[in-house]
Amino acid sequence: MPDLALLAIVFGAIPLAAILVYNLRSLVLNRREATWGFLAGVVAFLGLSHAMAAVLANHPLFGDAWAATAVSLLGLLTGAGIAWLLLEGPFIKGVPNRIVWAAVAFVGVHSLGDGLVLGRSFIGGVPVDPVSVAATIAHRFVEGCLIIVPALWASWKPKLALPALFVSLVAIPAAYLPGSIYAAYGPSSLGITLQIGIPTFVAAMESTLGLFLLVRALLPMAAADHGRRWLVWTAVGYIAISLTHFFVE
């Protein structure tokens, strides 16, 4: 079985490779509908379908409907609040910069959730094969592009965009959290509640954060030229990221 440290480091660092997209600056900026439409499809899956599915799947595992609802609601409100502050608040000047920072927050929260899933899976053993490795690399690279494409549009220099990608490294400490909880509390009631509650809260937060990013930033950018191809590319992005998850989950 592979070492958790190696898996976590590689998993967390893959999005950093998205900085290479700067070499395709003109291609990205000149294909607005395709680029932003594809990313809209990706976020529609990750932030809405995938994250909310995790919330709903965990709901009955709490054993207490009120506690499950409270944790989920708190996560939803937290994600919405963060998204509102980043996209509509007074702290960040300029729409392009707001979109970049909203994307950074989304990738950070998603990486946190991915790290928790990796750590929880490691407790029971992680199956590793070439297909799942390739799919993981692909989907984590695309998550890095969620930051780089808005950064290109906002005219960020690579030396500024690269540090923003480091938010993906939050997956590394997150991967150790499930094992630490199990070591501290074992299969006790508190331990089980933490193992379920923390991922549920993170997934709920990701869901509303992704919703705001999708409807306030990605879709308006994709449709800005009043064309129709962005609809096709949104579907392509959604299907493509779905397929990669078929191989890793």
Protein backbone atom coordinates (compact mmCIF):
# COMPACT_ATOMS: atom_id res chain seq x y z
CA MET A 1 0.00 0.00 0.00
CA PRO A 2 1.42 3.44 -0.89
CA ASP A 3 2.58 5.77 1.84
CA LEU A 4 0.02 8.40 2.90
CA ALA A 5 2.63 11.17 2.91
CA LEU A 6 3.57 10.48 -0.71
CA LEU A 7 -0.04 10.30 -1.84
CA ALA A 8 -1.01 13.46 0.01
CA ILE A 9 1.94 15.49 -1.27
CA VAL A 10 1.43 14.43 -4.89
CA PHE A 11 -2.33 14.93 -4.61
CA GLY A 12 -1.92 18.39 -3.14
CA ALA A 13 0.80 19.51 -5.55
CA ILE A 14 -0.71 18.46 -8.89
CA PRO A 15 -2.72 21.70 -9.38
CA LEU A 16 0.54 23.68 -9.27
CA ALA A 17 1.27 22.33 -12.76
CA ALA A 18 -1.58 24.48 -14.06
CA ILE A 19 0.86 27.42 -14.08
CA LEU A 20 2.01 25.98 -17.43
CA VAL A 21 -1.25 27.25 -18.93
CA TYR A 22 0.44 30.67 -19.02
CA ASN A 23 2.28 29.35 -22.08
CA LEU A 24 -1.12 29.14 -23.80
CA ARG A 25 -2.23 32.64 -22.86
CA SER A 26 -3.44 33.69 -26.33
CA LEU A 27 -5.23 30.39 -26.92
CA VAL A 28 -7.09 30.68 -23.60
CA LEU A 29 -8.01 34.35 -23.94
CA ASN A 30 -9.14 34.06 -27.56
CA ARG A 31 -11.50 31.14 -26.93
CA ARG A 32 -13.72 32.66 -24.30
CA GLU A 33 -16.82 30.52 -24.79
CA ALA A 34 -14.88 27.25 -24.84
CA THR A 35 -12.62 28.08 -21.89
CA TRP A 36 -15.16 29.58 -19.52
CA GLY A 37 -17.92 27.21 -20.61
CA PHE A 38 -15.74 24.20 -19.88
CA LEU A 39 -14.84 25.55 -16.43
CA ALA A 40 -18.51 26.28 -15.74
CA GLY A 41 -19.30 22.63 -16.41
CA VAL A 42 -16.49 21.54 -14.11
CA VAL A 43 -17.72 23.70 -11.23
CA ALA A 44 -21.33 22.65 -11.86
CA PHE A 45 -20.26 19.06 -11.21
CA LEU A 46 -17.77 19.61 -8.40
CA GLY A 47 -19.63 22.30 -6.51
CA LEU A 48 -23.22 21.25 -7.05
CA SER A 49 -23.59 17.60 -8.07
CA HIS A 50 -20.59 16.07 -6.32
CA ALA A 51 -20.48 18.17 -3.16
CA MET A 52 -24.22 18.10 -2.52
CA ALA A 53 -24.33 14.36 -3.19
CA ALA A 54 -21.77 13.96 -0.40
CA VAL A 55 -23.91 16.07 1.95
CA LEU A 56 -27.02 14.03 1.20
CA ALA A 57 -25.17 10.70 1.44
CA ASN A 58 -23.76 11.62 4.87
CA HIS A 59 -27.06 12.93 6.22
CA PRO A 60 -28.50 9.59 7.42
CA LEU A 61 -25.12 8.51 8.83
CA PHE A 62 -25.37 11.02 11.67
CA GLY A 63 -28.15 9.06 13.31
CA ASP A 64 -29.72 12.37 14.34
CA ALA A 65 -31.64 14.28 11.68
CA TRP A 66 -31.47 17.57 13.59
CA ALA A 67 -27.70 17.39 14.03
CA ALA A 68 -27.21 16.44 10.38
CA THR A 69 -29.40 19.32 9.24
CA ALA A 70 -27.64 21.79 11.53
CA VAL A 71 -24.17 20.83 10.27
CA SER A 72 -25.27 20.93 6.63
CA LEU A 73 -27.06 24.26 7.03
CA LEU A 74 -24.08 25.81 8.78
CA GLY A 75 -21.83 24.69 5.93
CA LEU A 76 -24.20 26.05 3.30
CA LEU A 77 -24.44 29.43 5.02
CA THR A 78 -20.68 29.61 5.53
CA GLY A 79 -19.97 28.91 1.86
CA ALA A 80 -22.56 31.46 0.76
CA GLY A 81 -21.12 34.06 3.12
CA ILE A 82 -17.56 33.57 1.89
CA ALA A 83 -18.69 33.71 -1.74
CA TRP A 84 -20.70 36.89 -1.13
CA LEU A 85 -17.78 38.63 0.53
CA LEU A 86 -15.40 37.68 -2.28
CA LEU A 87 -17.69 38.40 -5.21
CA GLU A 88 -19.82 41.27 -3.89
CA GLY A 89 -18.07 42.60 -0.81
CA PRO A 90 -16.02 45.79 -0.54
CA PHE A 91 -12.68 44.14 0.20
CA ILE A 92 -11.54 43.25 -3.34
CA LYS A 93 -11.47 45.83 -6.10
CA GLY A 94 -12.30 44.92 -9.69
CA VAL A 95 -14.48 42.10 -11.02
CA PRO A 96 -11.53 40.13 -12.51
CA ASN A 97 -9.74 40.02 -9.15
CA ARG A 98 -12.93 39.02 -7.36
CA ILE A 99 -13.38 36.06 -9.70
CA VAL A 100 -9.80 34.95 -9.13
CA TRP A 101 -10.12 35.01 -5.35
CA ALA A 102 -13.49 33.27 -5.44
CA ALA A 103 -11.87 30.55 -7.55
CA VAL A 104 -8.98 30.31 -5.09
CA ALA A 105 -11.44 29.86 -2.23
CA PHE A 106 -13.37 27.21 -4.14
CA VAL A 107 -10.25 25.21 -5.02
CA GLY A 108 -9.08 25.49 -1.43
CA VAL A 109 -12.33 24.17 0.01
CA HIS A 110 -12.53 21.43 -2.62
CA SER A 111 -8.92 20.41 -1.90
CA LEU A 112 -9.73 20.29 1.80
CA GLY A 113 -12.61 17.93 1.06
CA ASP A 114 -10.49 15.81 -1.28
CA GLY A 115 -7.81 15.51 1.38
CA LEU A 116 -10.38 14.30 3.91
CA VAL A 117 -11.62 11.69 1.43
CA LEU A 118 -8.06 10.52 0.76
CA GLY A 119 -7.30 10.23 4.47
CA ARG A 120 -10.51 8.36 5.22
CA SER A 121 -9.91 5.98 2.32
CA PHE A 122 -6.36 5.34 3.50
CA ILE A 123 -7.64 3.94 6.79
CA GLY A 124 -9.23 1.11 4.84
CA GLY A 125 -6.54 0.87 2.15
CA VAL A 126 -6.27 2.82 -1.09
CA PRO A 127 -6.51 0.90 -4.37
CA VAL A 128 -3.99 2.38 -6.82
CA ASP A 129 -3.94 1.54 -10.52
CA PRO A 130 -2.78 3.42 -13.65
CA VAL A 131 -6.30 4.47 -14.64
CA SER A 132 -7.18 5.98 -11.26
CA VAL A 133 -3.79 7.73 -11.10
CA ALA A 134 -4.26 9.25 -14.57
CA ALA A 135 -7.80 10.35 -13.73
CA THR A 136 -6.64 11.92 -10.48
CA ILE A 137 -3.86 13.84 -12.23
CA ALA A 138 -6.31 15.09 -14.87
CA HIS A 139 -8.99 16.29 -12.49
CA ARG A 140 -6.56 17.94 -10.08
CA PHE A 141 -4.85 19.73 -12.99
CA VAL A 142 -8.22 21.07 -14.14
CA GLU A 143 -8.85 22.35 -10.61
CA GLY A 144 -5.64 24.33 -10.89
CA CYS A 145 -6.91 25.77 -14.17
CA LEU A 146 -9.93 27.11 -12.29
CA ILE A 147 -7.49 29.58 -10.74
CA ILE A 148 -5.15 30.19 -13.68
CA VAL A 149 -7.77 31.03 -16.32
CA PRO A 150 -9.35 33.83 -14.23
CA ALA A 151 -5.84 34.98 -13.31
CA LEU A 152 -4.95 35.28 -16.99
CA TRP A 153 -8.09 37.28 -17.64
CA ALA A 154 -7.29 39.52 -14.67
CA SER A 155 -3.78 40.10 -16.11
CA TRP A 156 -2.03 38.56 -13.12
CA LYS A 157 1.64 37.81 -13.63
CA PRO A 158 2.80 34.21 -13.16
CA LYS A 159 4.75 35.19 -10.03
CA LEU A 160 1.44 36.27 -8.46
CA ALA A 161 -0.69 33.42 -9.81
CA LEU A 162 1.68 30.66 -8.67
CA PRO A 163 1.33 31.42 -4.94
CA ALA A 164 -2.45 31.38 -5.37
CA LEU A 165 -2.19 27.76 -6.55
CA PHE A 166 -0.58 26.79 -3.25
CA VAL A 167 -4.07 26.77 -1.72
CA SER A 168 -4.37 23.25 -3.15
CA LEU A 169 -1.74 22.08 -0.65
CA VAL A 170 -4.39 22.22 2.08
CA ALA A 171 -5.17 18.67 0.93
CA ILE A 172 -1.96 17.48 2.59
CA PRO A 173 -2.80 18.23 6.24
CA ALA A 174 -6.45 17.36 5.56
CA ALA A 175 -5.40 13.83 4.54
CA TYR A 176 -4.01 13.25 8.02
CA LEU A 177 -7.10 14.44 9.89
CA PRO A 178 -9.27 11.29 9.59
CA GLY A 179 -6.42 9.10 10.84
CA SER A 180 -5.70 11.49 13.70
CA ILE A 181 -9.35 11.49 14.75
CA TYR A 182 -9.45 7.70 14.62
CA ALA A 183 -6.25 7.44 16.65
CA ALA A 184 -7.61 9.82 19.28
CA TYR A 185 -11.22 8.62 19.58
CA GLY A 186 -11.39 5.29 17.77
CA PRO A 187 -14.86 4.04 16.82
CA SER A 188 -16.49 5.98 19.64
CA SER A 189 -19.62 8.06 19.19
CA LEU A 190 -17.61 11.28 19.17
CA GLY A 191 -15.08 9.87 16.72
CA ILE A 192 -17.76 8.75 14.28
CA THR A 193 -19.57 12.08 14.55
CA LEU A 194 -16.36 13.96 13.73
CA GLN A 195 -15.53 11.63 10.83
CA ILE A 196 -18.96 12.34 9.33
CA GLY A 197 -19.56 15.91 10.46
CA ILE A 198 -16.36 17.56 9.23
CA PRO A 199 -16.59 16.27 5.62
CA THR A 200 -20.29 17.11 5.55
CA PHE A 201 -19.65 20.68 6.66
CA VAL A 202 -16.85 21.11 4.10
CA ALA A 203 -18.94 19.64 1.26
CA ALA A 204 -21.91 21.87 2.12
CA MET A 205 -19.63 24.91 2.18
CA GLU A 206 -18.19 23.92 -1.20
CA SER A 207 -21.68 23.57 -2.66
CA THR A 208 -22.84 27.15 -2.08
CA LEU A 209 -19.40 28.59 -2.80
CA GLY A 210 -19.46 26.74 -6.13
CA LEU A 211 -23.00 27.92 -6.81
CA PHE A 212 -22.04 31.58 -6.41
CA LEU A 213 -18.88 31.12 -8.49
CA LEU A 214 -20.88 29.44 -11.23
CA VAL A 215 -23.81 31.84 -11.56
CA ARG A 216 -22.02 35.09 -10.70
CA ALA A 217 -18.73 34.55 -12.53
CA LEU A 218 -18.24 31.56 -14.82
CA LEU A 219 -21.56 31.50 -16.68
CA PRO A 220 -21.67 35.28 -17.28
CA MET A 221 -18.11 35.15 -18.59
CA ALA A 222 -18.91 32.20 -20.88
CA ALA A 223 -22.04 33.85 -22.26
CA ALA A 224 -20.64 37.38 -22.56
CA ASP A 225 -20.24 37.17 -26.35
CA HIS A 226 -23.92 36.18 -26.73
CA GLY A 227 -23.02 33.02 -28.61
CA ARG A 228 -24.31 29.50 -28.12
CA ARG A 229 -21.15 27.40 -28.13
CA TRP A 230 -20.60 27.98 -24.43
CA LEU A 231 -23.61 25.73 -23.74
CA VAL A 232 -21.91 22.88 -25.55
CA TRP A 233 -18.63 23.49 -23.76
CA THR A 234 -20.40 23.60 -20.39
CA ALA A 235 -21.83 20.17 -21.12
CA VAL A 236 -18.40 18.96 -22.26
CA GLY A 237 -16.79 20.17 -19.03
CA TYR A 238 -19.49 18.57 -16.90
CA ILE A 239 -19.26 15.22 -18.66
CA ALA A 240 -15.45 15.21 -18.75
CA ILE A 241 -15.04 15.85 -15.01
CA SER A 242 -17.78 13.29 -14.31
CA LEU A 243 -15.89 10.65 -16.28
CA THR A 244 -12.67 11.26 -14.35
CA HIS A 245 -14.55 10.74 -11.09
CA PHE A 246 -15.98 7.47 -12.37
CA PHE A 247 -12.41 6.13 -12.35
CA VAL A 248 -11.30 7.47 -8.97
CA GLU A 249 -14.33 6.78 -6.78
